[in-house]
Amino acid sequence: MFLRLLLPFLLTLGFLAPLSALDCGRGKPFPQWLKAFERYAVSQGISPDTVHRALDGITYDPSVIRRDRRQHQFSYDFRTFAKRIISPYRLRKGKQLIHKKARLFKAIEKRYGVPAPVIVAFWGLESDFGAYMGKDNTLRSLATLAYDCRRSDEFQKELLAALKIIDEGDLTPRQMRGSWAGELGQTQFLPSYYLKYGVDFDGDGRRDLIHSSADALASTANYLRHLGWKPGEPWIREVIVPRQMPWDESGLEHSHSLSYWGKLGVTDRNGRPLHGSFNASLLLPMGKDGPAFLAFDNFKDTYLTWNNSLLYSLTAAYFATRLDGAPAMRPDRAKIASLSGRQIQTLQRLLAKRGYDVGKIDGIIGEKTRLAVKDLQKKLGLPADGYPTQELLRRLR
């Protein structure tokens, strides 16, 4: 108690540095940096006992930095990626769990408005329904990333959040095992999200997103609702597009009513007219001849915040529709010659030379690359669907 009363006075004298003054570990040994962080954590109200139990003996882990530098990126086309990720096992297991835990999911939806298929799809993709959450020492990983100068501020905040989770009695330091990047639990929350959105849904007095599926699934729904999930509204719907239409109207940057899309010749996947009062964007993840989806606000507001990769988000949303009873995607209308990751990098360099902002040249078709491709397609008189093809690459060269 005396130490906590003394902390503000010590801060004014400069004995305890604010977080921004800790900086990263540039030119400073890890043990010295860690001691400074421990003092800061105590100044923020974390008990000295928690800091001692959690951080004493923590060492720098160079393997975490190596993995951070070489993170695997999504360079597959959508159909290939979805087929690899949404395995028959995951579809079967997901449906079984929805049936087995029907009472739990009913209670979660009643409170948060998020249906079971949406939650279960994230559960399956993030940890194989809780079977694999990672075995890395979370505190060691976060301390290593906080010490590193690449994203130091971000991970210093996450390390402090992890200490608060321990201090509040939700987890012990020994229980904090997860992914190498510090995510915890059955749907892989960073500690700050754990603190902000984690809920005790099983009523045992603590939020345990690792061992309690009830806590983990309800916390997932709570997070999605805070992102703006609208109960009772769709997220994505597979559709059929006509052979000719203004392709530049596709993409997340455009949103129109279902009646508007219907006037352009877009139908539901069975060829029936579109009905409803919602607005939606038309997504063509593999161009005009590949799969086509209408993406509603629930997709744009929640899925893309969960993970800003369109490939991952669309796969998660499609997985949820399959768990909800939708059939598999229709076959492509024509053979699609997708570019390899190396070819996409070449395309990005050529676009950058023409003055386009494609973001990082990484072989990933991100939103900036799609917009650049769409603009160039219009200039070259090609269908402006935003999907790079071998023909476009040849024309650029």
Protein backbone atom coordinates (compact mmCIF):
# COMPACT_ATOMS: atom_id res chain seq x y z
CA MET A 1 0.00 0.00 0.00
CA PHE A 2 2.82 2.41 0.94
CA LEU A 3 4.57 1.76 -2.38
CA ARG A 4 1.41 2.59 -4.35
CA LEU A 5 0.99 5.86 -2.44
CA LEU A 6 4.62 6.72 -3.13
CA LEU A 7 4.48 5.99 -6.90
CA PRO A 8 3.20 9.40 -8.11
CA PHE A 9 5.96 11.14 -6.14
CA LEU A 10 8.61 8.83 -7.62
CA LEU A 11 7.31 9.52 -11.13
CA THR A 12 7.65 13.28 -10.68
CA LEU A 13 11.26 12.81 -9.61
CA GLY A 14 11.99 10.70 -12.67
CA PHE A 15 12.73 7.45 -10.87
CA LEU A 16 10.03 5.66 -12.84
CA ALA A 17 9.89 6.32 -16.56
CA PRO A 18 6.58 6.54 -18.41
CA LEU A 19 6.06 3.87 -21.07
CA SER A 20 6.95 6.22 -23.92
CA ALA A 21 10.32 6.86 -22.30
CA LEU A 22 11.16 3.17 -22.11
CA ASP A 23 11.62 3.10 -25.85
CA CYS A 24 12.75 -0.20 -27.32
CA GLY A 25 15.91 -2.11 -26.57
CA ARG A 26 18.20 -0.24 -28.94
CA GLY A 27 21.65 -0.18 -27.36
CA LYS A 28 20.34 -1.58 -24.06
CA PRO A 29 20.72 -5.16 -22.76
CA PHE A 30 17.43 -7.06 -22.43
CA PRO A 31 17.70 -7.53 -18.62
CA GLN A 32 18.19 -3.79 -18.14
CA TRP A 33 15.22 -2.97 -20.38
CA LEU A 34 13.06 -5.55 -18.57
CA LYS A 35 13.85 -4.04 -15.16
CA ALA A 36 12.73 -0.64 -16.46
CA PHE A 37 9.51 -2.20 -17.73
CA GLU A 38 8.89 -3.88 -14.38
CA ARG A 39 9.14 -0.51 -12.63
CA TYR A 40 6.74 0.97 -15.15
CA ALA A 41 4.25 -1.88 -14.67
CA VAL A 42 4.21 -1.29 -10.92
CA SER A 43 3.65 2.43 -11.55
CA GLN A 44 0.56 1.50 -13.56
CA GLY A 45 -1.02 -0.31 -10.65
CA ILE A 46 0.19 -3.88 -11.26
CA SER A 47 1.09 -5.44 -7.92
CA PRO A 48 4.80 -6.00 -7.33
CA ASP A 49 4.00 -9.64 -6.53
CA THR A 50 2.40 -10.13 -9.97
CA VAL A 51 5.34 -8.47 -11.71
CA HIS A 52 7.74 -10.66 -9.77
CA ARG A 53 5.84 -13.90 -10.50
CA ALA A 54 5.34 -13.08 -14.17
CA LEU A 55 8.60 -11.54 -15.28
CA ASP A 56 11.38 -12.80 -13.01
CA GLY A 57 13.54 -15.14 -15.07
CA ILE A 58 12.04 -14.10 -18.43
CA THR A 59 14.70 -14.16 -21.16
CA TYR A 60 14.91 -12.83 -24.69
CA ASP A 61 13.69 -15.29 -27.36
CA PRO A 62 15.41 -14.75 -30.73
CA SER A 63 13.18 -17.36 -32.39
CA VAL A 64 10.17 -15.05 -31.89
CA ILE A 65 11.94 -12.28 -33.79
CA ARG A 66 12.86 -14.65 -36.60
CA ARG A 67 9.22 -15.73 -36.93
CA ASP A 68 8.05 -12.12 -36.79
CA ARG A 69 10.37 -11.21 -39.67
CA ARG A 70 9.33 -14.06 -41.90
CA GLN A 71 5.59 -14.21 -41.30
CA HIS A 72 3.85 -16.35 -43.89
CA GLN A 73 1.60 -14.26 -46.08
CA PHE A 74 -1.51 -15.32 -47.94
CA SER A 75 -0.40 -15.67 -51.56
CA TYR A 76 -2.92 -18.31 -52.65
CA ASP A 77 -5.92 -17.53 -54.81
CA PHE A 78 -9.22 -17.56 -52.92
CA ARG A 79 -10.51 -20.91 -54.14
CA THR A 80 -7.24 -22.72 -53.33
CA PHE A 81 -6.96 -21.06 -49.92
CA ALA A 82 -10.58 -21.78 -48.99
CA LYS A 83 -10.23 -25.43 -50.02
CA ARG A 84 -7.09 -25.84 -47.90
CA ILE A 85 -8.50 -24.08 -44.84
CA ILE A 86 -12.10 -25.31 -44.89
CA SER A 87 -11.37 -29.01 -44.82
CA PRO A 88 -14.09 -31.70 -44.73
CA TYR A 89 -13.00 -32.37 -41.14
CA ARG A 90 -13.54 -28.75 -40.09
CA LEU A 91 -16.94 -28.63 -41.76
CA ARG A 92 -18.03 -31.86 -40.11
CA LYS A 93 -16.58 -30.98 -36.70
CA GLY A 94 -18.02 -27.46 -36.78
CA LYS A 95 -21.54 -28.70 -37.49
CA GLN A 96 -21.23 -31.32 -34.76
CA LEU A 97 -20.19 -28.69 -32.21
CA ILE A 98 -23.04 -26.37 -33.19
CA HIS A 99 -25.45 -29.24 -32.50
CA LYS A 100 -23.68 -30.45 -29.35
CA LYS A 101 -23.48 -26.99 -27.77
CA ALA A 102 -26.82 -25.75 -29.07
CA ARG A 103 -27.96 -24.52 -25.65
CA LEU A 104 -24.73 -22.55 -25.13
CA PHE A 105 -24.92 -20.94 -28.58
CA LYS A 106 -28.58 -20.06 -28.06
CA ALA A 107 -27.66 -18.24 -24.85
CA ILE A 108 -24.75 -16.45 -26.53
CA GLU A 109 -26.89 -15.32 -29.46
CA LYS A 110 -29.62 -14.12 -27.12
CA ARG A 111 -27.12 -11.89 -25.31
CA TYR A 112 -24.90 -10.71 -28.17
CA GLY A 113 -26.90 -11.32 -31.35
CA VAL A 114 -24.14 -13.28 -33.12
CA PRO A 115 -25.21 -16.68 -34.58
CA ALA A 116 -23.36 -19.92 -33.91
CA PRO A 117 -21.96 -20.48 -37.46
CA VAL A 118 -20.12 -17.15 -37.40
CA ILE A 119 -18.52 -17.88 -34.02
CA VAL A 120 -17.68 -21.49 -34.84
CA ALA A 121 -16.00 -20.56 -38.12
CA PHE A 122 -13.54 -18.31 -36.26
CA TRP A 123 -13.14 -21.01 -33.59
CA GLY A 124 -12.20 -23.54 -36.26
CA LEU A 125 -9.83 -21.31 -38.19
CA GLU A 126 -8.04 -19.84 -35.18
CA SER A 127 -7.40 -22.96 -33.10
CA ASP A 128 -9.07 -25.99 -34.67
CA PHE A 129 -11.90 -25.64 -32.14
CA GLY A 130 -9.52 -25.27 -29.22
CA ALA A 131 -7.31 -28.22 -30.12
CA TYR A 132 -4.25 -26.13 -30.92
CA MET A 133 -3.77 -22.72 -29.31
CA GLY A 134 0.03 -22.64 -29.34
CA LYS A 135 2.54 -23.63 -26.68
CA ASP A 136 4.83 -20.61 -26.55
CA ASN A 137 5.43 -18.73 -23.31
CA THR A 138 3.20 -15.70 -23.86
CA LEU A 139 5.03 -13.44 -21.44
CA ARG A 140 8.40 -14.28 -22.97
CA SER A 141 7.08 -13.68 -26.49
CA LEU A 142 5.51 -10.34 -25.59
CA ALA A 143 8.59 -9.16 -23.68
CA THR A 144 10.78 -10.07 -26.65
CA LEU A 145 8.55 -8.21 -29.12
CA ALA A 146 8.25 -5.24 -26.75
CA TYR A 147 12.06 -5.05 -26.49
CA ASP A 148 12.45 -5.32 -30.27
CA CYS A 149 12.33 -1.98 -32.08
CA ARG A 150 9.96 -2.98 -34.88
CA ARG A 151 6.64 -2.62 -32.99
CA SER A 152 7.80 -1.84 -29.49
CA ASP A 153 4.98 0.49 -28.41
CA GLU A 154 2.31 -1.98 -29.51
CA PHE A 155 3.79 -4.93 -27.63
CA GLN A 156 4.70 -2.97 -24.51
CA LYS A 157 0.96 -2.28 -24.19
CA GLU A 158 0.19 -5.97 -24.77
CA LEU A 159 2.72 -7.05 -22.16
CA LEU A 160 1.17 -4.67 -19.65
CA ALA A 161 -2.29 -6.06 -20.52
CA ALA A 162 -1.01 -9.61 -19.94
CA LEU A 163 0.19 -8.59 -16.49
CA LYS A 164 -3.24 -7.10 -15.74
CA ILE A 165 -4.90 -10.40 -16.70
CA ILE A 166 -2.70 -12.14 -14.13
CA ASP A 167 -3.22 -9.40 -11.56
CA GLU A 168 -7.02 -9.69 -11.89
CA GLY A 169 -6.87 -13.44 -11.30
CA ASP A 170 -8.04 -14.67 -14.69
CA LEU A 171 -4.88 -16.63 -15.55
CA THR A 172 -1.61 -17.55 -13.84
CA PRO A 173 1.78 -16.93 -15.49
CA ARG A 174 2.12 -20.68 -16.00
CA GLN A 175 -1.21 -20.82 -17.86
CA MET A 176 -0.18 -18.09 -20.29
CA ARG A 177 0.72 -20.26 -23.25
CA GLY A 178 -0.29 -19.39 -26.80
CA SER A 179 0.97 -18.37 -30.19
CA TRP A 180 4.46 -17.02 -30.72
CA ALA A 181 3.02 -13.50 -31.27
CA GLY A 182 1.27 -13.36 -27.92
CA GLU A 183 -2.33 -14.33 -28.82
CA LEU A 184 -4.20 -16.34 -26.21
CA GLY A 185 -7.16 -18.65 -26.10
CA GLN A 186 -9.43 -20.63 -28.36
CA THR A 187 -10.04 -17.72 -30.75
CA GLN A 188 -6.60 -16.14 -30.29
CA PHE A 189 -7.10 -12.79 -28.54
CA LEU A 190 -4.21 -10.47 -27.88
CA PRO A 191 -4.08 -9.63 -24.15
CA SER A 192 -5.57 -6.14 -24.64
CA TYR A 193 -8.59 -7.69 -26.40
CA TYR A 194 -8.78 -10.35 -23.70
CA LEU A 195 -9.07 -7.58 -21.11
CA LYS A 196 -11.53 -5.46 -23.06
CA TYR A 197 -13.85 -8.09 -24.51
CA GLY A 198 -13.30 -11.23 -22.45
CA VAL A 199 -16.34 -12.34 -20.44
CA ASP A 200 -16.96 -14.90 -17.71
CA PHE A 201 -19.84 -16.77 -19.36
CA ASP A 202 -19.59 -20.00 -17.38
CA GLY A 203 -19.97 -18.12 -14.10
CA ASP A 204 -16.87 -19.45 -12.32
CA GLY A 205 -15.66 -15.97 -11.38
CA ARG A 206 -12.89 -15.53 -13.93
CA ARG A 207 -12.42 -15.07 -17.65
CA ASP A 208 -10.62 -18.12 -18.98
CA LEU A 209 -10.46 -18.04 -22.77
CA ILE A 210 -8.01 -20.96 -22.81
CA HIS A 211 -9.77 -23.71 -20.86
CA SER A 212 -13.41 -22.59 -20.96
CA SER A 213 -15.07 -22.83 -24.36
CA ALA A 214 -18.09 -20.98 -22.95
CA ASP A 215 -15.91 -18.00 -22.01
CA ALA A 216 -13.99 -18.12 -25.28
CA LEU A 217 -17.06 -18.32 -27.54
CA ALA A 218 -19.05 -15.70 -25.66
CA SER A 219 -16.02 -13.38 -25.68
CA THR A 220 -15.78 -13.82 -29.43
CA ALA A 221 -19.43 -12.84 -29.80
CA ASN A 222 -18.93 -9.90 -27.44
CA TYR A 223 -16.02 -8.65 -29.55
CA LEU A 224 -17.94 -9.00 -32.81
CA ARG A 225 -20.93 -7.15 -31.35
CA HIS A 226 -18.66 -4.30 -30.25
CA LEU A 227 -17.26 -4.13 -33.78
CA GLY A 228 -20.78 -3.44 -35.03
CA TRP A 229 -22.36 -6.82 -35.72
CA LYS A 230 -26.02 -6.31 -36.62
CA PRO A 231 -28.21 -9.15 -35.33
CA GLY A 232 -30.42 -10.82 -37.89
CA GLU A 233 -28.55 -9.41 -40.89
CA PRO A 234 -26.49 -11.41 -43.43
CA TRP A 235 -22.72 -11.27 -43.79
CA ILE A 236 -22.03 -12.60 -47.30
CA ARG A 237 -24.08 -14.33 -49.98
CA GLU A 238 -22.85 -16.17 -53.04
CA VAL A 239 -24.34 -14.81 -56.28
CA ILE A 240 -24.14 -15.24 -60.05
CA VAL A 241 -22.91 -12.32 -62.13
CA PRO A 242 -23.77 -11.80 -65.81
CA ARG A 243 -21.13 -12.20 -68.51
CA GLN A 244 -21.20 -8.48 -69.21
CA MET A 245 -21.61 -5.73 -66.63
CA PRO A 246 -19.77 -2.62 -65.39
CA TRP A 247 -17.05 -4.57 -63.61
CA ASP A 248 -15.57 -1.44 -62.04
CA GLU A 249 -18.67 -1.35 -59.79
CA SER A 250 -17.27 -4.35 -57.92
CA GLY A 251 -15.07 -3.98 -54.84
CA LEU A 252 -15.46 -2.80 -51.28
CA GLU A 253 -15.27 0.83 -52.38
CA HIS A 254 -18.76 0.51 -53.92
CA SER A 255 -21.99 -0.33 -52.10
CA HIS A 256 -25.44 -0.56 -53.69
CA SER A 257 -28.90 -1.86 -52.92
CA LEU A 258 -29.85 -5.40 -53.85
CA SER A 259 -32.30 -4.00 -56.39
CA TYR A 260 -29.46 -2.10 -58.05
CA TRP A 261 -27.39 -5.26 -58.38
CA GLY A 262 -30.46 -7.04 -59.70
CA LYS A 263 -30.86 -4.44 -62.45
CA LEU A 264 -27.27 -5.15 -63.51
CA GLY A 265 -28.15 -8.84 -63.90
CA VAL A 266 -26.80 -10.20 -60.62
CA THR A 267 -28.91 -13.05 -59.19
CA ASP A 268 -28.71 -15.37 -56.23
CA ARG A 269 -26.67 -18.55 -56.67
CA ASN A 270 -29.74 -20.39 -58.00
CA GLY A 271 -30.53 -17.76 -60.61
CA ARG A 272 -33.43 -16.19 -58.72
CA PRO A 273 -33.87 -12.38 -58.42
CA LEU A 274 -32.35 -10.65 -55.40
CA HIS A 275 -34.66 -9.47 -52.64
CA GLY A 276 -34.11 -7.44 -49.50
CA SER A 277 -33.50 -3.92 -48.25
CA PHE A 278 -29.78 -4.19 -47.48
CA ASN A 279 -26.89 -2.55 -49.29
CA ALA A 280 -23.94 -4.69 -50.30
CA SER A 281 -20.62 -4.66 -52.15
CA LEU A 282 -19.87 -7.11 -54.94
CA LEU A 283 -16.69 -9.10 -54.28
CA LEU A 284 -14.96 -10.94 -57.12
CA PRO A 285 -11.96 -12.50 -55.33
CA MET A 286 -10.76 -14.21 -58.55
CA GLY A 287 -12.16 -11.79 -61.11
CA LYS A 288 -15.23 -11.87 -63.33
CA ASP A 289 -15.04 -15.62 -64.09
CA GLY A 290 -14.55 -16.83 -60.52
CA PRO A 291 -16.65 -16.95 -57.35
CA ALA A 292 -18.86 -13.92 -56.68
CA PHE A 293 -20.25 -12.73 -53.35
CA LEU A 294 -22.32 -9.85 -52.06
CA ALA A 295 -20.73 -8.53 -48.86
CA PHE A 296 -23.01 -6.80 -46.35
CA ASP A 297 -22.25 -4.47 -43.45
CA ASN A 298 -21.66 -7.37 -41.08
CA PHE A 299 -18.81 -8.50 -43.29
CA LYS A 300 -17.28 -5.08 -43.84
CA ASP A 301 -17.60 -3.90 -40.24
CA THR A 302 -16.58 -7.07 -38.41
CA TYR A 303 -14.72 -9.61 -40.52
CA LEU A 304 -12.33 -7.06 -42.00
CA THR A 305 -11.61 -5.66 -38.54
CA TRP A 306 -10.93 -9.10 -37.14
CA ASN A 307 -8.38 -9.60 -39.93
CA ASN A 308 -7.81 -6.98 -42.64
CA SER A 309 -6.72 -9.61 -45.14
CA LEU A 310 -9.59 -9.91 -47.62
CA LEU A 311 -8.51 -13.47 -48.38
CA TYR A 312 -8.72 -14.59 -44.74
CA SER A 313 -11.87 -12.60 -43.97
CA LEU A 314 -13.76 -13.84 -47.01
CA THR A 315 -12.71 -17.41 -46.25
CA ALA A 316 -13.93 -17.10 -42.64
CA ALA A 317 -17.24 -15.62 -43.81
CA TYR A 318 -17.69 -18.31 -46.47
CA PHE A 319 -16.91 -21.00 -43.88
CA ALA A 320 -19.69 -19.55 -41.70
CA THR A 321 -22.17 -19.75 -44.58
CA ARG A 322 -21.27 -23.42 -45.12
CA LEU A 323 -21.82 -24.13 -41.42
CA ASP A 324 -25.13 -22.31 -41.78
CA GLY A 325 -26.22 -24.71 -44.53
CA ALA A 326 -25.06 -23.08 -47.77
CA PRO A 327 -23.74 -25.44 -50.47
CA ALA A 328 -20.20 -25.39 -51.81
CA MET A 329 -19.19 -22.66 -54.23
CA ARG A 330 -20.30 -22.91 -57.81
CA PRO A 331 -17.54 -23.85 -60.29
CA ASP A 332 -15.63 -21.12 -62.09
CA ARG A 333 -17.09 -19.92 -65.36
CA ALA A 334 -13.75 -20.26 -67.15
CA LYS A 335 -10.24 -21.43 -66.38
CA ILE A 336 -8.46 -18.74 -64.35
CA ALA A 337 -4.71 -18.37 -64.75
CA SER A 338 -3.83 -16.82 -61.40
CA LEU A 339 -0.46 -15.18 -60.87
CA SER A 340 2.11 -16.68 -58.51
CA GLY A 341 3.39 -14.69 -55.55
CA ARG A 342 6.57 -13.85 -57.46
CA GLN A 343 4.56 -12.71 -60.48
CA ILE A 344 2.39 -10.51 -58.27
CA GLN A 345 5.55 -8.90 -56.90
CA THR A 346 6.67 -8.21 -60.47
CA LEU A 347 3.25 -6.75 -61.23
CA GLN A 348 3.44 -4.53 -58.15
CA ARG A 349 6.87 -3.22 -59.16
CA LEU A 350 5.63 -2.42 -62.65
CA LEU A 351 2.56 -0.67 -61.25
CA ALA A 352 4.73 1.33 -58.85
CA LYS A 353 6.92 2.44 -61.77
CA ARG A 354 3.77 3.79 -63.40
CA GLY A 355 3.10 5.87 -60.29
CA TYR A 356 0.54 3.65 -58.54
CA ASP A 357 0.56 3.26 -54.77
CA VAL A 358 0.42 -0.50 -54.26
CA GLY A 359 1.60 -0.44 -50.66
CA LYS A 360 4.26 -2.98 -49.76
CA ILE A 361 5.65 -5.00 -52.67
CA ASP A 362 4.97 -8.36 -51.07
CA GLY A 363 3.28 -10.60 -53.64
CA ILE A 364 -0.09 -10.16 -51.89
CA ILE A 365 -3.13 -8.79 -53.73
CA GLY A 366 -4.17 -6.24 -51.11
CA GLU A 367 -6.72 -3.46 -51.49
CA LYS A 368 -4.20 -0.95 -52.88
CA THR A 369 -2.99 -3.44 -55.49
CA ARG A 370 -6.59 -4.23 -56.49
CA LEU A 371 -7.43 -0.55 -56.94
CA ALA A 372 -4.31 0.01 -59.02
CA VAL A 373 -5.08 -3.03 -61.18
CA LYS A 374 -8.66 -1.88 -61.68
CA ASP A 375 -7.56 1.59 -62.80
CA LEU A 376 -5.00 0.18 -65.21
CA GLN A 377 -7.52 -2.32 -66.60
CA LYS A 378 -9.85 0.57 -67.43
CA LYS A 379 -7.05 2.46 -69.18
CA LEU A 380 -6.14 -0.61 -71.23
CA GLY A 381 -9.74 -1.38 -72.16
CA LEU A 382 -9.84 -4.62 -70.15
CA PRO A 383 -12.70 -5.75 -67.86
CA ALA A 384 -12.00 -3.74 -64.70
CA ASP A 385 -12.67 -6.44 -62.10
CA GLY A 386 -9.52 -5.67 -60.09
CA TYR A 387 -8.03 -9.16 -60.47
CA PRO A 388 -4.56 -9.34 -62.04
CA THR A 389 -4.16 -11.86 -64.84
CA GLN A 390 -1.36 -13.17 -67.03
CA GLU A 391 -2.68 -10.99 -69.85
CA LEU A 392 -2.44 -7.85 -67.72
CA LEU A 393 1.12 -8.73 -66.70
CA ARG A 394 2.07 -9.24 -70.36
CA ARG A 395 0.54 -5.88 -71.28
CA LEU A 396 2.45 -4.17 -68.47
CA ARG A 397 5.72 -5.67 -69.61
